[in-house]
N, C-alpha and C. Protein backbone atom coordinates (compact mmCIF):
# COMPACT_ATOMS: atom_id res chain seq x y z
N MET A 1 -91.67 -145.92 -86.13
CA MET A 1 -91.98 -145.05 -87.11
C MET A 1 -92.62 -143.65 -86.44
N GLU A 2 -93.19 -143.81 -85.23
CA GLU A 2 -93.40 -142.44 -84.76
C GLU A 2 -92.51 -141.72 -84.49
N ARG A 3 -91.37 -142.20 -83.99
CA ARG A 3 -90.20 -141.28 -83.78
C ARG A 3 -89.51 -140.69 -84.81
N ARG A 4 -89.63 -141.44 -85.96
CA ARG A 4 -89.26 -140.91 -87.23
C ARG A 4 -90.12 -139.93 -88.08
N GLY A 5 -91.21 -139.92 -87.41
CA GLY A 5 -92.17 -138.75 -88.01
C GLY A 5 -92.92 -139.43 -89.04
N LEU A 6 -93.15 -140.73 -89.17
CA LEU A 6 -93.69 -141.54 -90.40
C LEU A 6 -95.22 -141.62 -89.95
N VAL A 7 -95.37 -141.84 -88.73
CA VAL A 7 -96.84 -142.14 -88.33
C VAL A 7 -96.97 -141.18 -87.22
N HIS A 8 -98.28 -140.93 -86.83
CA HIS A 8 -98.62 -140.30 -85.57
C HIS A 8 -99.89 -140.72 -85.08
N ARG A 9 -100.02 -140.78 -83.74
CA ARG A 9 -101.19 -141.30 -82.95
C ARG A 9 -102.34 -140.53 -83.23
N VAL A 10 -103.59 -140.97 -83.28
CA VAL A 10 -104.87 -140.23 -83.75
C VAL A 10 -105.90 -140.54 -82.69
N GLY A 11 -105.72 -141.26 -81.83
CA GLY A 11 -106.56 -141.73 -80.83
C GLY A 11 -106.19 -141.87 -79.45
N VAL A 12 -107.15 -142.42 -78.75
CA VAL A 12 -106.87 -142.97 -77.44
C VAL A 12 -106.49 -144.48 -77.31
N ARG A 13 -105.53 -144.98 -76.85
CA ARG A 13 -105.15 -146.37 -76.91
C ARG A 13 -105.76 -146.77 -75.72
N ALA A 14 -106.49 -147.91 -75.60
CA ALA A 14 -107.14 -148.82 -74.61
C ALA A 14 -106.33 -149.92 -74.36
N ARG A 15 -106.06 -150.41 -73.34
CA ARG A 15 -105.35 -151.53 -72.84
C ARG A 15 -105.99 -152.78 -73.83
N GLY A 16 -104.87 -153.46 -74.31
CA GLY A 16 -105.40 -154.74 -75.12
C GLY A 16 -106.18 -154.30 -76.44
N ARG A 17 -106.07 -153.17 -76.78
CA ARG A 17 -106.90 -152.74 -78.10
C ARG A 17 -105.89 -152.22 -79.05
N ARG A 18 -106.17 -152.08 -80.22
CA ARG A 18 -105.28 -151.61 -81.22
C ARG A 18 -104.94 -150.10 -80.93
N ASN A 19 -103.86 -149.77 -81.38
CA ASN A 19 -103.23 -148.40 -81.21
C ASN A 19 -103.50 -147.51 -82.59
N PRO A 20 -104.34 -146.79 -82.56
CA PRO A 20 -104.79 -145.88 -83.64
C PRO A 20 -103.66 -145.01 -83.96
N ALA A 21 -103.36 -145.19 -85.30
CA ALA A 21 -102.23 -144.22 -85.82
C ALA A 21 -102.74 -143.80 -87.38
N ALA A 22 -102.02 -142.62 -87.86
CA ALA A 22 -102.22 -142.37 -89.15
C ALA A 22 -100.79 -141.93 -89.70
N ILE A 23 -100.93 -142.23 -90.98
CA ILE A 23 -99.30 -141.68 -91.82
C ILE A 23 -99.43 -140.40 -91.92
N THR A 24 -98.23 -139.85 -91.89
CA THR A 24 -97.97 -138.39 -91.93
C THR A 24 -97.38 -138.26 -93.33
N PRO A 25 -97.40 -136.94 -93.78
CA PRO A 25 -96.80 -136.59 -95.03
C PRO A 25 -95.66 -137.21 -95.37
N ALA A 26 -94.63 -137.12 -94.55
CA ALA A 26 -93.40 -137.83 -94.48
C ALA A 26 -93.33 -139.29 -94.56
N GLY A 27 -94.43 -139.87 -93.96
CA GLY A 27 -94.52 -141.27 -93.96
C GLY A 27 -95.20 -141.82 -95.56
N GLN A 28 -95.93 -140.91 -96.09
CA GLN A 28 -96.47 -141.22 -97.41
C GLN A 28 -95.47 -141.07 -98.27
N ALA A 29 -94.62 -140.12 -98.18
CA ALA A 29 -93.54 -139.78 -99.27
C ALA A 29 -92.62 -141.22 -99.01
N ALA A 30 -92.30 -141.66 -97.86
CA ALA A 30 -91.18 -142.69 -97.88
C ALA A 30 -92.12 -143.98 -98.18
N LEU A 31 -93.19 -144.04 -98.04
CA LEU A 31 -94.16 -145.26 -98.77
C LEU A 31 -93.92 -145.12 -100.29
N ASP A 32 -94.36 -144.06 -100.73
CA ASP A 32 -94.42 -143.86 -102.13
C ASP A 32 -92.91 -144.13 -102.93
N ALA A 33 -91.76 -143.81 -102.16
CA ALA A 33 -90.46 -144.00 -102.69
C ALA A 33 -90.28 -145.40 -102.47
N ALA A 34 -90.63 -146.13 -101.70
CA ALA A 34 -90.52 -147.63 -101.37
C ALA A 34 -91.32 -148.38 -102.49
N GLN A 35 -92.45 -147.97 -102.57
CA GLN A 35 -93.31 -148.64 -103.56
C GLN A 35 -92.69 -148.43 -105.02
N THR A 36 -92.26 -147.37 -105.45
CA THR A 36 -91.51 -147.30 -106.72
C THR A 36 -90.28 -148.19 -106.91
N VAL A 37 -89.51 -148.25 -105.81
CA VAL A 37 -88.38 -149.34 -105.98
C VAL A 37 -89.21 -150.70 -106.08
N ALA A 38 -90.05 -150.94 -105.23
CA ALA A 38 -90.49 -152.35 -105.30
C ALA A 38 -91.18 -152.70 -106.66
N LEU A 39 -91.89 -151.72 -107.07
CA LEU A 39 -92.29 -152.05 -108.49
C LEU A 39 -91.23 -152.30 -109.49
N ALA A 40 -90.43 -151.40 -109.53
CA ALA A 40 -89.34 -151.59 -110.53
C ALA A 40 -88.53 -152.83 -110.19
N THR A 41 -88.25 -153.25 -108.97
CA THR A 41 -87.75 -154.47 -108.93
C THR A 41 -88.52 -155.65 -109.49
N ASN A 42 -89.58 -155.52 -109.24
CA ASN A 42 -90.78 -156.57 -109.86
C ASN A 42 -90.71 -156.82 -111.49
N ASP A 43 -90.10 -155.57 -112.17
CA ASP A 43 -90.16 -155.46 -113.66
C ASP A 43 -89.19 -156.69 -114.14
N LEU A 44 -89.18 -157.83 -114.61
CA LEU A 44 -88.40 -158.62 -115.10
C LEU A 44 -88.45 -158.64 -116.53
N SER A 45 -88.93 -157.80 -116.95
CA SER A 45 -88.84 -157.70 -118.72
C SER A 45 -87.32 -157.63 -119.33
N ALA A 46 -86.53 -157.07 -118.39
CA ALA A 46 -85.08 -156.88 -118.81
C ALA A 46 -84.47 -158.37 -118.92
N PHE A 47 -85.17 -159.50 -118.28
CA PHE A 47 -84.51 -160.70 -118.16
C PHE A 47 -85.46 -161.64 -119.12
N GLY A 48 -86.20 -161.03 -119.81
CA GLY A 48 -86.83 -161.87 -120.97
C GLY A 48 -88.28 -162.42 -120.53
N LEU A 49 -88.75 -161.92 -119.32
CA LEU A 49 -90.19 -162.36 -118.97
C LEU A 49 -91.25 -161.14 -119.15
N ASP A 50 -92.38 -161.67 -119.84
CA ASP A 50 -93.33 -160.78 -119.85
C ASP A 50 -94.09 -160.74 -118.51
N ALA A 51 -95.26 -159.79 -118.52
CA ALA A 51 -95.95 -159.60 -117.25
C ALA A 51 -96.68 -160.82 -116.63
N SER A 52 -97.18 -161.69 -117.68
CA SER A 52 -97.75 -162.93 -117.29
C SER A 52 -96.72 -164.08 -116.58
N GLN A 53 -95.52 -164.17 -117.46
CA GLN A 53 -94.44 -164.83 -116.90
C GLN A 53 -94.08 -164.49 -115.54
N SER A 54 -93.81 -163.30 -115.43
CA SER A 54 -93.52 -162.58 -114.17
C SER A 54 -94.19 -163.02 -113.14
N ALA A 55 -95.48 -162.91 -113.53
CA ALA A 55 -96.65 -163.26 -112.28
C ALA A 55 -96.65 -164.69 -111.79
N GLN A 56 -96.29 -165.51 -112.95
CA GLN A 56 -96.27 -166.97 -112.69
C GLN A 56 -95.04 -167.21 -111.84
N LEU A 57 -94.01 -166.73 -112.09
CA LEU A 57 -92.77 -166.96 -111.45
C LEU A 57 -92.98 -166.50 -109.93
N ASN A 58 -93.48 -165.33 -109.74
CA ASN A 58 -93.90 -164.97 -108.58
C ASN A 58 -94.61 -165.71 -107.55
N ALA A 59 -95.82 -166.27 -108.25
CA ALA A 59 -96.55 -167.22 -107.66
C ALA A 59 -95.71 -168.59 -107.19
N LEU A 60 -94.99 -169.06 -108.26
CA LEU A 60 -94.17 -170.26 -107.93
C LEU A 60 -93.04 -170.00 -106.90
N LEU A 61 -92.53 -169.00 -106.78
CA LEU A 61 -91.54 -168.64 -105.69
C LEU A 61 -92.30 -168.49 -104.49
N LEU A 62 -93.41 -168.03 -104.25
CA LEU A 62 -94.38 -167.84 -103.15
C LEU A 62 -94.73 -169.51 -102.67
N THR A 63 -95.07 -170.18 -103.55
CA THR A 63 -95.19 -171.43 -103.38
C THR A 63 -94.06 -172.30 -102.52
N VAL A 64 -92.91 -172.19 -103.09
CA VAL A 64 -91.54 -172.57 -102.56
C VAL A 64 -91.44 -171.89 -101.17
N ILE A 65 -91.28 -170.75 -101.09
CA ILE A 65 -91.30 -169.98 -99.89
C ILE A 65 -92.18 -170.62 -98.79
N ASN A 66 -93.56 -170.85 -99.07
CA ASN A 66 -94.40 -171.19 -98.05
C ASN A 66 -94.26 -172.84 -97.61
N GLY A 67 -93.61 -173.56 -98.81
CA GLY A 67 -93.55 -175.07 -98.45
C GLY A 67 -92.30 -175.14 -97.58
N ALA A 68 -91.35 -174.38 -97.78
CA ALA A 68 -89.97 -174.33 -97.09
C ALA A 68 -90.41 -173.80 -95.71
N GLN A 69 -91.21 -172.93 -95.45
CA GLN A 69 -91.71 -172.54 -94.10
C GLN A 69 -92.49 -173.69 -93.36
N ALA A 70 -93.23 -174.52 -93.99
CA ALA A 70 -94.07 -175.58 -93.45
C ALA A 70 -93.32 -176.85 -93.31
N ALA A 71 -92.02 -176.81 -93.86
CA ALA A 71 -91.17 -178.17 -93.93
C ALA A 71 -90.62 -178.45 -92.67
N PRO A 72 -90.36 -179.67 -92.31
CA PRO A 72 -89.75 -179.74 -91.02
C PRO A 72 -88.30 -179.50 -91.09
N VAL A 73 -87.73 -179.24 -90.11
CA VAL A 73 -86.23 -178.89 -89.96
C VAL A 73 -85.62 -180.27 -90.08
N VAL A 74 -84.67 -180.30 -90.78
CA VAL A 74 -83.61 -181.36 -90.89
C VAL A 74 -82.59 -181.33 -90.46
N ASP A 75 -82.04 -182.02 -89.35
CA ASP A 75 -80.77 -182.11 -88.59
C ASP A 75 -79.66 -182.87 -89.31
N ASP A 76 -78.74 -182.32 -90.21
CA ASP A 76 -77.85 -182.97 -90.74
C ASP A 76 -76.69 -183.40 -89.86
N SER A 77 -76.59 -182.97 -88.70
CA SER A 77 -75.38 -183.08 -87.79
C SER A 77 -75.46 -184.70 -87.38
N LEU A 78 -76.47 -185.49 -87.40
CA LEU A 78 -76.58 -186.64 -86.94
C LEU A 78 -75.83 -187.69 -87.76
């Protein structure tokens, strides 16, 4: 992101410590554009869901994702 001009270093990096950085105006513009797309993608009213139903669907899908990540891997080749 630094090479693309989206962030720049703002302090001295110490070994084993965080790398202080700040967002640039170009980075903020990219973040704003991405947020606009993300919010539009989350609008499910065109599919018949209101905001409450959309939030419920999101919560349920996150539960499925988290459950799938925690589930043991099944090897069907045996």
